[in-house]
Amino acid sequence: MLNNIRIKQTTKEIILNINIQAKNTEIIEELQEKLPKLKDFYKNSNVPMRVTGKLFTEIERKMIEKMIHEEIDIEVKFDEPSDLLGLHAIKKTFEVETEISETKYVYNSIRSGTKEEYVGSLVVCGDVNSGAEVVAGGNIIILGTLRGVAHSGANGNNKAIIAANTIETTQIRISNLVKEILEKEERCPIFGIKNDIIELLEN
């Protein structure tokens, strides 16, 4: 039985907390199972439903919203990167050169369930394990393997990059953009924003 979606009820909303490592096929399967059960609750309530925990592309959001509306006619909200990461809201993107920036060094691997944040750039002298998060206003450099969540330029900086020795995660984030990683990238990949999308840069 899948357990990638945890449901929480508050006085103001129903929260669907989705595991950041969950695959879209797993999320769809679990929504098909759990939404009919929520239908009974909404016979006597009209509080909005909020989807949190994992960032989705616009297409994915529309797909999930459609699935919910097929069962329940209710307002659906999605958390933005700033909501999930506890940073100031990204109201607009901007470009600031990141070749020279304040840098924090982390001299160990980042364990599952741990979040490392810094307003400048972050260098991790180890791995970022599955279930861990690294968030930076500038660049993110990982000397080991990225298996968790990495979000560079988290305050909206489109000049930020993400680089690692190897990347084995499902998605990365730069500024307000998300890129799905469909297969293992070449050794020492460097990602940045080009033409308003996250692309592998030449190195």
C-alpha atoms as a PDB file:
ATOM      1  CA  MET A   1       0.000   0.000   0.000  1.00  0.00           C
ATOM      2  CA  LEU A   2       1.347   3.396  -1.001  1.00  0.00           C
ATOM      3  CA  ASN A   3       1.847   6.015   1.703  1.00  0.00           C
ATOM      4  CA  ASN A   4       3.206   9.034  -0.161  1.00  0.00           C
ATOM      5  CA  ILE A   5       0.253  11.303   0.658  1.00  0.00           C
ATOM      6  CA  ARG A   6      -0.544  12.256   4.237  1.00  0.00           C
ATOM      7  CA  ILE A   7      -3.852  13.992   4.892  1.00  0.00           C
ATOM      8  CA  LYS A   8      -4.212  16.546   7.685  1.00  0.00           C
ATOM      9  CA  GLN A   9      -7.351  18.433   8.673  1.00  0.00           C
ATOM     10  CA  THR A  10      -7.325  21.911  10.208  1.00  0.00           C
ATOM     11  CA  THR A  11     -10.156  24.334  10.880  1.00  0.00           C
ATOM     12  CA  LYS A  12      -9.256  26.290   7.729  1.00  0.00           C
ATOM     13  CA  GLU A  13      -8.227  23.629   5.190  1.00  0.00           C
ATOM     14  CA  ILE A  14      -7.484  20.048   4.272  1.00  0.00           C
ATOM     15  CA  ILE A  15      -3.765  19.503   3.627  1.00  0.00           C
ATOM     16  CA  LEU A  16      -2.406  16.882   1.244  1.00  0.00           C
ATOM     17  CA  ASN A  17       1.262  16.514   2.190  1.00  0.00           C
ATOM     18  CA  ILE A  18       3.046  14.721  -0.653  1.00  0.00           C
ATOM     19  CA  ASN A  19       6.409  12.986  -0.260  1.00  0.00           C
ATOM     20  CA  ILE A  20       8.999  14.984  -2.256  1.00  0.00           C
ATOM     21  CA  GLN A  21      10.533  11.736  -3.556  1.00  0.00           C
ATOM     22  CA  ALA A  22       7.219  10.268  -4.780  1.00  0.00           C
ATOM     23  CA  LYS A  23       6.895   9.493  -8.491  1.00  0.00           C
ATOM     24  CA  ASN A  24       3.975  11.009 -10.390  1.00  0.00           C
ATOM     25  CA  THR A  25       2.549   7.557 -11.160  1.00  0.00           C
ATOM     26  CA  GLU A  26       2.512   6.767  -7.433  1.00  0.00           C
ATOM     27  CA  ILE A  27       0.854  10.087  -6.597  1.00  0.00           C
ATOM     28  CA  ILE A  28      -1.893   9.521  -9.182  1.00  0.00           C
ATOM     29  CA  GLU A  29      -2.540   5.988  -7.940  1.00  0.00           C
ATOM     30  CA  GLU A  30      -2.780   7.138  -4.332  1.00  0.00           C
ATOM     31  CA  LEU A  31      -5.031  10.104  -5.176  1.00  0.00           C
ATOM     32  CA  GLN A  32      -7.416   7.730  -6.953  1.00  0.00           C
ATOM     33  CA  GLU A  33      -7.603   5.727  -3.743  1.00  0.00           C
ATOM     34  CA  LYS A  34      -7.897   8.555  -1.203  1.00  0.00           C
ATOM     35  CA  LEU A  35     -10.022  11.212  -2.936  1.00  0.00           C
ATOM     36  CA  PRO A  36     -13.267   9.194  -2.842  1.00  0.00           C
ATOM     37  CA  LYS A  37     -12.840   8.872   0.948  1.00  0.00           C
ATOM     38  CA  LEU A  38     -12.510  12.668   1.269  1.00  0.00           C
ATOM     39  CA  LYS A  39     -15.710  13.102  -0.727  1.00  0.00           C
ATOM     40  CA  ASP A  40     -17.807  12.140   2.318  1.00  0.00           C
ATOM     41  CA  PHE A  41     -16.071  14.797   4.439  1.00  0.00           C
ATOM     42  CA  TYR A  42     -16.889  17.513   1.910  1.00  0.00           C
ATOM     43  CA  LYS A  43     -20.602  16.794   2.077  1.00  0.00           C
ATOM     44  CA  ASN A  44     -20.626  18.999   5.181  1.00  0.00           C
ATOM     45  CA  SER A  45     -17.641  21.260   4.532  1.00  0.00           C
ATOM     46  CA  ASN A  46     -16.303  23.672   1.914  1.00  0.00           C
ATOM     47  CA  VAL A  47     -12.811  24.426   3.280  1.00  0.00           C
ATOM     48  CA  PRO A  48     -10.106  24.631   0.570  1.00  0.00           C
ATOM     49  CA  MET A  49      -7.638  21.845  -0.107  1.00  0.00           C
ATOM     50  CA  ARG A  50      -3.899  22.638  -0.078  1.00  0.00           C
ATOM     51  CA  VAL A  51      -1.255  20.473  -1.769  1.00  0.00           C
ATOM     52  CA  THR A  52       2.152  20.754  -0.129  1.00  0.00           C
ATOM     53  CA  GLY A  53       5.439  18.900   0.330  1.00  0.00           C
ATOM     54  CA  LYS A  54       6.457  18.610  -3.326  1.00  0.00           C
ATOM     55  CA  LEU A  55       6.755  21.224  -6.065  1.00  0.00           C
ATOM     56  CA  PHE A  56       4.919  20.557  -9.321  1.00  0.00           C
ATOM     57  CA  THR A  57       5.131  21.980 -12.818  1.00  0.00           C
ATOM     58  CA  GLU A  58       2.115  23.881 -14.146  1.00  0.00           C
ATOM     59  CA  ILE A  59       1.043  20.862 -16.210  1.00  0.00           C
ATOM     60  CA  GLU A  60       1.281  18.571 -13.178  1.00  0.00           C
ATOM     61  CA  ARG A  61      -0.733  21.036 -11.097  1.00  0.00           C
ATOM     62  CA  LYS A  62      -3.528  21.104 -13.662  1.00  0.00           C
ATOM     63  CA  MET A  63      -3.561  17.303 -13.790  1.00  0.00           C
ATOM     64  CA  ILE A  64      -3.827  16.993  -9.989  1.00  0.00           C
ATOM     65  CA  GLU A  65      -6.433  19.769  -9.803  1.00  0.00           C
ATOM     66  CA  LYS A  66      -8.510  18.018 -12.459  1.00  0.00           C
ATOM     67  CA  MET A  67      -8.369  14.740 -10.524  1.00  0.00           C
ATOM     68  CA  ILE A  68      -9.533  16.469  -7.341  1.00  0.00           C
ATOM     69  CA  HIS A  69     -12.352  18.346  -9.107  1.00  0.00           C
ATOM     70  CA  GLU A  70     -13.625  15.133 -10.675  1.00  0.00           C
ATOM     71  CA  GLU A  71     -14.409  13.964  -7.139  1.00  0.00           C
ATOM     72  CA  ILE A  72     -14.846  17.201  -5.157  1.00  0.00           C
ATOM     73  CA  ASP A  73     -15.898  20.703  -6.230  1.00  0.00           C
ATOM     74  CA  ILE A  74     -13.532  22.667  -3.974  1.00  0.00           C
ATOM     75  CA  GLU A  75     -10.807  25.321  -4.145  1.00  0.00           C
ATOM     76  CA  VAL A  76      -7.358  23.747  -4.611  1.00  0.00           C
ATOM     77  CA  LYS A  77      -4.160  25.564  -3.608  1.00  0.00           C
ATOM     78  CA  PHE A  78      -0.535  24.623  -4.234  1.00  0.00           C
ATOM     79  CA  ASP A  79       2.418  25.755  -2.132  1.00  0.00           C
ATOM     80  CA  GLU A  80       4.996  27.904  -3.882  1.00  0.00           C
ATOM     81  CA  PRO A  81       8.785  27.385  -3.397  1.00  0.00           C
ATOM     82  CA  SER A  82       8.901  30.218  -0.854  1.00  0.00           C
ATOM     83  CA  ASP A  83       6.118  28.591   1.196  1.00  0.00           C
ATOM     84  CA  LEU A  84       7.880  25.244   1.330  1.00  0.00           C
ATOM     85  CA  LEU A  85      11.316  26.609   2.079  1.00  0.00           C
ATOM     86  CA  GLY A  86      10.500  29.307   4.589  1.00  0.00           C
ATOM     87  CA  LEU A  87      12.004  32.080   2.459  1.00  0.00           C
ATOM     88  CA  HIS A  88      10.556  35.420   1.386  1.00  0.00           C
ATOM     89  CA  ALA A  89       8.038  35.104  -1.444  1.00  0.00           C
ATOM     90  CA  ILE A  90       9.500  35.165  -4.938  1.00  0.00           C
ATOM     91  CA  LYS A  91       7.582  38.117  -6.367  1.00  0.00           C
ATOM     92  CA  LYS A  92       9.896  38.539  -9.350  1.00  0.00           C
ATOM     93  CA  THR A  93      13.014  37.001 -10.792  1.00  0.00           C
ATOM     94  CA  PHE A  94      16.255  38.904 -11.143  1.00  0.00           C
ATOM     95  CA  GLU A  95      19.866  38.392 -12.202  1.00  0.00           C
ATOM     96  CA  VAL A  96      22.843  38.963  -9.946  1.00  0.00           C
ATOM     97  CA  GLU A  97      26.272  37.641 -10.886  1.00  0.00           C
ATOM     98  CA  THR A  98      27.209  34.718  -8.652  1.00  0.00           C
ATOM     99  CA  GLU A  99      30.901  34.274  -9.507  1.00  0.00           C
ATOM    100  CA  ILE A 100      31.698  36.125  -6.284  1.00  0.00           C
ATOM    101  CA  SER A 101      29.299  35.647  -3.382  1.00  0.00           C
ATOM    102  CA  GLU A 102      29.164  34.952   0.321  1.00  0.00           C
ATOM    103  CA  THR A 103      29.661  31.199   0.707  1.00  0.00           C
ATOM    104  CA  LYS A 104      28.889  28.733   3.477  1.00  0.00           C
ATOM    105  CA  TYR A 105      30.804  25.436   3.599  1.00  0.00           C
ATOM    106  CA  VAL A 106      29.211  22.322   5.079  1.00  0.00           C
ATOM    107  CA  TYR A 107      31.940  19.828   5.969  1.00  0.00           C
ATOM    108  CA  ASN A 108      29.778  16.720   6.047  1.00  0.00           C
ATOM    109  CA  SER A 109      26.958  14.975   4.213  1.00  0.00           C
ATOM    110  CA  ILE A 110      23.382  16.202   4.704  1.00  0.00           C
ATOM    111  CA  ARG A 111      21.288  13.474   6.290  1.00  0.00           C
ATOM    112  CA  SER A 112      17.693  12.543   5.419  1.00  0.00           C
ATOM    113  CA  GLY A 113      15.180  14.821   7.133  1.00  0.00           C
ATOM    114  CA  THR A 114      17.709  17.660   7.442  1.00  0.00           C
ATOM    115  CA  LYS A 115      17.502  21.061   5.726  1.00  0.00           C
ATOM    116  CA  GLU A 116      20.507  23.344   5.133  1.00  0.00           C
ATOM    117  CA  GLU A 117      19.736  26.965   4.162  1.00  0.00           C
ATOM    118  CA  TYR A 118      21.917  29.967   3.430  1.00  0.00           C
ATOM    119  CA  VAL A 119      21.275  33.377   1.872  1.00  0.00           C
ATOM    120  CA  GLY A 120      24.488  33.174  -0.207  1.00  0.00           C
ATOM    121  CA  SER A 121      26.058  30.151  -1.908  1.00  0.00           C
ATOM    122  CA  LEU A 122      26.379  26.677  -0.354  1.00  0.00           C
ATOM    123  CA  VAL A 123      29.211  24.168  -0.796  1.00  0.00           C
ATOM    124  CA  VAL A 124      28.519  20.702   0.606  1.00  0.00           C
ATOM    125  CA  CYS A 125      31.665  18.617   1.146  1.00  0.00           C
ATOM    126  CA  GLY A 126      29.775  15.348   0.991  1.00  0.00           C
ATOM    127  CA  ASP A 127      26.437  13.936  -0.203  1.00  0.00           C
ATOM    128  CA  VAL A 128      22.921  15.335   0.001  1.00  0.00           C
ATOM    129  CA  ASN A 129      20.972  12.213   0.886  1.00  0.00           C
ATOM    130  CA  SER A 130      17.441  11.288  -0.126  1.00  0.00           C
ATOM    131  CA  GLY A 131      14.942  13.208   2.017  1.00  0.00           C
ATOM    132  CA  ALA A 132      17.429  16.033   2.721  1.00  0.00           C
ATOM    133  CA  GLU A 133      17.174  19.603   1.394  1.00  0.00           C
ATOM    134  CA  VAL A 134      19.748  22.253   0.521  1.00  0.00           C
ATOM    135  CA  VAL A 135      18.509  25.771  -0.209  1.00  0.00           C
ATOM    136  CA  ALA A 136      20.616  28.778  -1.217  1.00  0.00           C
ATOM    137  CA  GLY A 137      20.049  32.295  -2.464  1.00  0.00           C
ATOM    138  CA  GLY A 138      23.171  31.801  -4.630  1.00  0.00           C
ATOM    139  CA  ASN A 139      24.858  28.719  -6.073  1.00  0.00           C
ATOM    140  CA  ILE A 140      24.815  25.155  -4.743  1.00  0.00           C
ATOM    141  CA  ILE A 141      27.933  23.021  -5.203  1.00  0.00           C
ATOM    142  CA  ILE A 142      27.928  19.416  -3.985  1.00  0.00           C
ATOM    143  CA  LEU A 143      31.216  17.516  -3.949  1.00  0.00           C
ATOM    144  CA  GLY A 144      29.431  14.195  -3.531  1.00  0.00           C
ATOM    145  CA  THR A 145      26.100  12.880  -4.828  1.00  0.00           C
ATOM    146  CA  LEU A 146      22.809  14.798  -4.885  1.00  0.00           C
ATOM    147  CA  ARG A 147      19.951  12.448  -3.972  1.00  0.00           C
ATOM    148  CA  GLY A 148      17.710  14.914  -2.135  1.00  0.00           C
ATOM    149  CA  VAL A 149      16.271  18.343  -2.979  1.00  0.00           C
ATOM    150  CA  ALA A 150      18.460  21.236  -4.132  1.00  0.00           C
ATOM    151  CA  HIS A 151      17.115  24.763  -4.713  1.00  0.00           C
ATOM    152  CA  SER A 152      19.574  27.456  -5.761  1.00  0.00           C
ATOM    153  CA  GLY A 153      18.703  31.096  -6.455  1.00  0.00           C
ATOM    154  CA  ALA A 154      15.820  30.517  -4.048  1.00  0.00           C
ATOM    155  CA  ASN A 155      15.078  34.242  -3.684  1.00  0.00           C
ATOM    156  CA  GLY A 156      14.559  34.558  -7.456  1.00  0.00           C
ATOM    157  CA  ASN A 157      18.130  34.837  -8.818  1.00  0.00           C
ATOM    158  CA  ASN A 158      18.217  33.453 -12.359  1.00  0.00           C
ATOM    159  CA  LYS A 159      22.031  33.537 -12.463  1.00  0.00           C
ATOM    160  CA  ALA A 160      22.422  30.793  -9.830  1.00  0.00           C
ATOM    161  CA  ILE A 161      23.631  27.285 -10.694  1.00  0.00           C
ATOM    162  CA  ILE A 162      23.555  23.776  -9.253  1.00  0.00           C
ATOM    163  CA  ALA A 163      26.601  21.535  -9.664  1.00  0.00           C
ATOM    164  CA  ALA A 164      27.418  18.121  -8.190  1.00  0.00           C
ATOM    165  CA  ASN A 165      29.803  15.237  -8.661  1.00  0.00           C
ATOM    166  CA  THR A 166      26.785  13.077  -9.546  1.00  0.00           C
ATOM    167  CA  ILE A 167      23.029  13.716  -9.526  1.00  0.00           C
ATOM    168  CA  GLU A 168      20.618  10.921  -8.614  1.00  0.00           C
ATOM    169  CA  THR A 169      17.492  12.876  -7.690  1.00  0.00           C
ATOM    170  CA  THR A 170      14.152  13.335  -9.475  1.00  0.00           C
ATOM    171  CA  GLN A 171      14.178  17.128  -9.743  1.00  0.00           C
ATOM    172  CA  ILE A 172      16.201  20.261  -9.101  1.00  0.00           C
ATOM    173  CA  ARG A 173      15.106  23.874  -8.636  1.00  0.00           C
ATOM    174  CA  ILE A 174      16.714  27.142  -9.666  1.00  0.00           C
ATOM    175  CA  SER A 175      14.952  30.440  -8.930  1.00  0.00           C
ATOM    176  CA  ASN A 176      11.250  29.812  -9.576  1.00  0.00           C
ATOM    177  CA  LEU A 177      11.841  27.004 -12.088  1.00  0.00           C
ATOM    178  CA  VAL A 178      11.764  23.230 -11.649  1.00  0.00           C
ATOM    179  CA  LYS A 179      13.526  20.629 -13.800  1.00  0.00           C
ATOM    180  CA  GLU A 180      12.646  16.939 -13.751  1.00  0.00           C
ATOM    181  CA  ILE A 181      15.695  14.649 -13.917  1.00  0.00           C
ATOM    182  CA  LEU A 182      14.646  11.723 -16.092  1.00  0.00           C
ATOM    183  CA  GLU A 183      17.939   9.831 -16.118  1.00  0.00           C
ATOM    184  CA  LYS A 184      21.311   9.885 -14.419  1.00  0.00           C
ATOM    185  CA  GLU A 185      23.340  12.820 -15.704  1.00  0.00           C
ATOM    186  CA  GLU A 186      26.956  12.746 -16.802  1.00  0.00           C
ATOM    187  CA  ARG A 187      29.683  13.115 -14.202  1.00  0.00           C
ATOM    188  CA  CYS A 188      30.042  16.605 -12.676  1.00  0.00           C
ATOM    189  CA  PRO A 189      26.941  18.158 -14.309  1.00  0.00           C
ATOM    190  CA  ILE A 190      26.352  21.896 -13.972  1.00  0.00           C
ATOM    191  CA  PHE A 191      22.814  23.234 -14.374  1.00  0.00           C
ATOM    192  CA  GLY A 192      21.770  26.825 -14.951  1.00  0.00           C
ATOM    193  CA  ILE A 193      18.968  28.834 -16.547  1.00  0.00           C
ATOM    194  CA  LYS A 194      19.123  29.489 -20.288  1.00  0.00           C
ATOM    195  CA  ASN A 195      16.212  30.808 -22.342  1.00  0.00           C
ATOM    196  CA  ASP A 196      13.939  30.677 -19.283  1.00  0.00           C
ATOM    197  CA  ILE A 197      14.444  26.942 -18.664  1.00  0.00           C
ATOM    198  CA  ILE A 198      16.921  24.940 -16.582  1.00  0.00           C
ATOM    199  CA  GLU A 199      19.513  23.356 -18.857  1.00  0.00           C
ATOM    200  CA  LEU A 200      22.750  21.409 -18.567  1.00  0.00           C
ATOM    201  CA  LEU A 201      25.568  23.896 -19.087  1.00  0.00           C
ATOM    202  CA  GLU A 202      28.762  23.083 -20.932  1.00  0.00           C
ATOM    203  CA  ASN A 203      31.665  22.339 -18.620  1.00  0.00           C
END
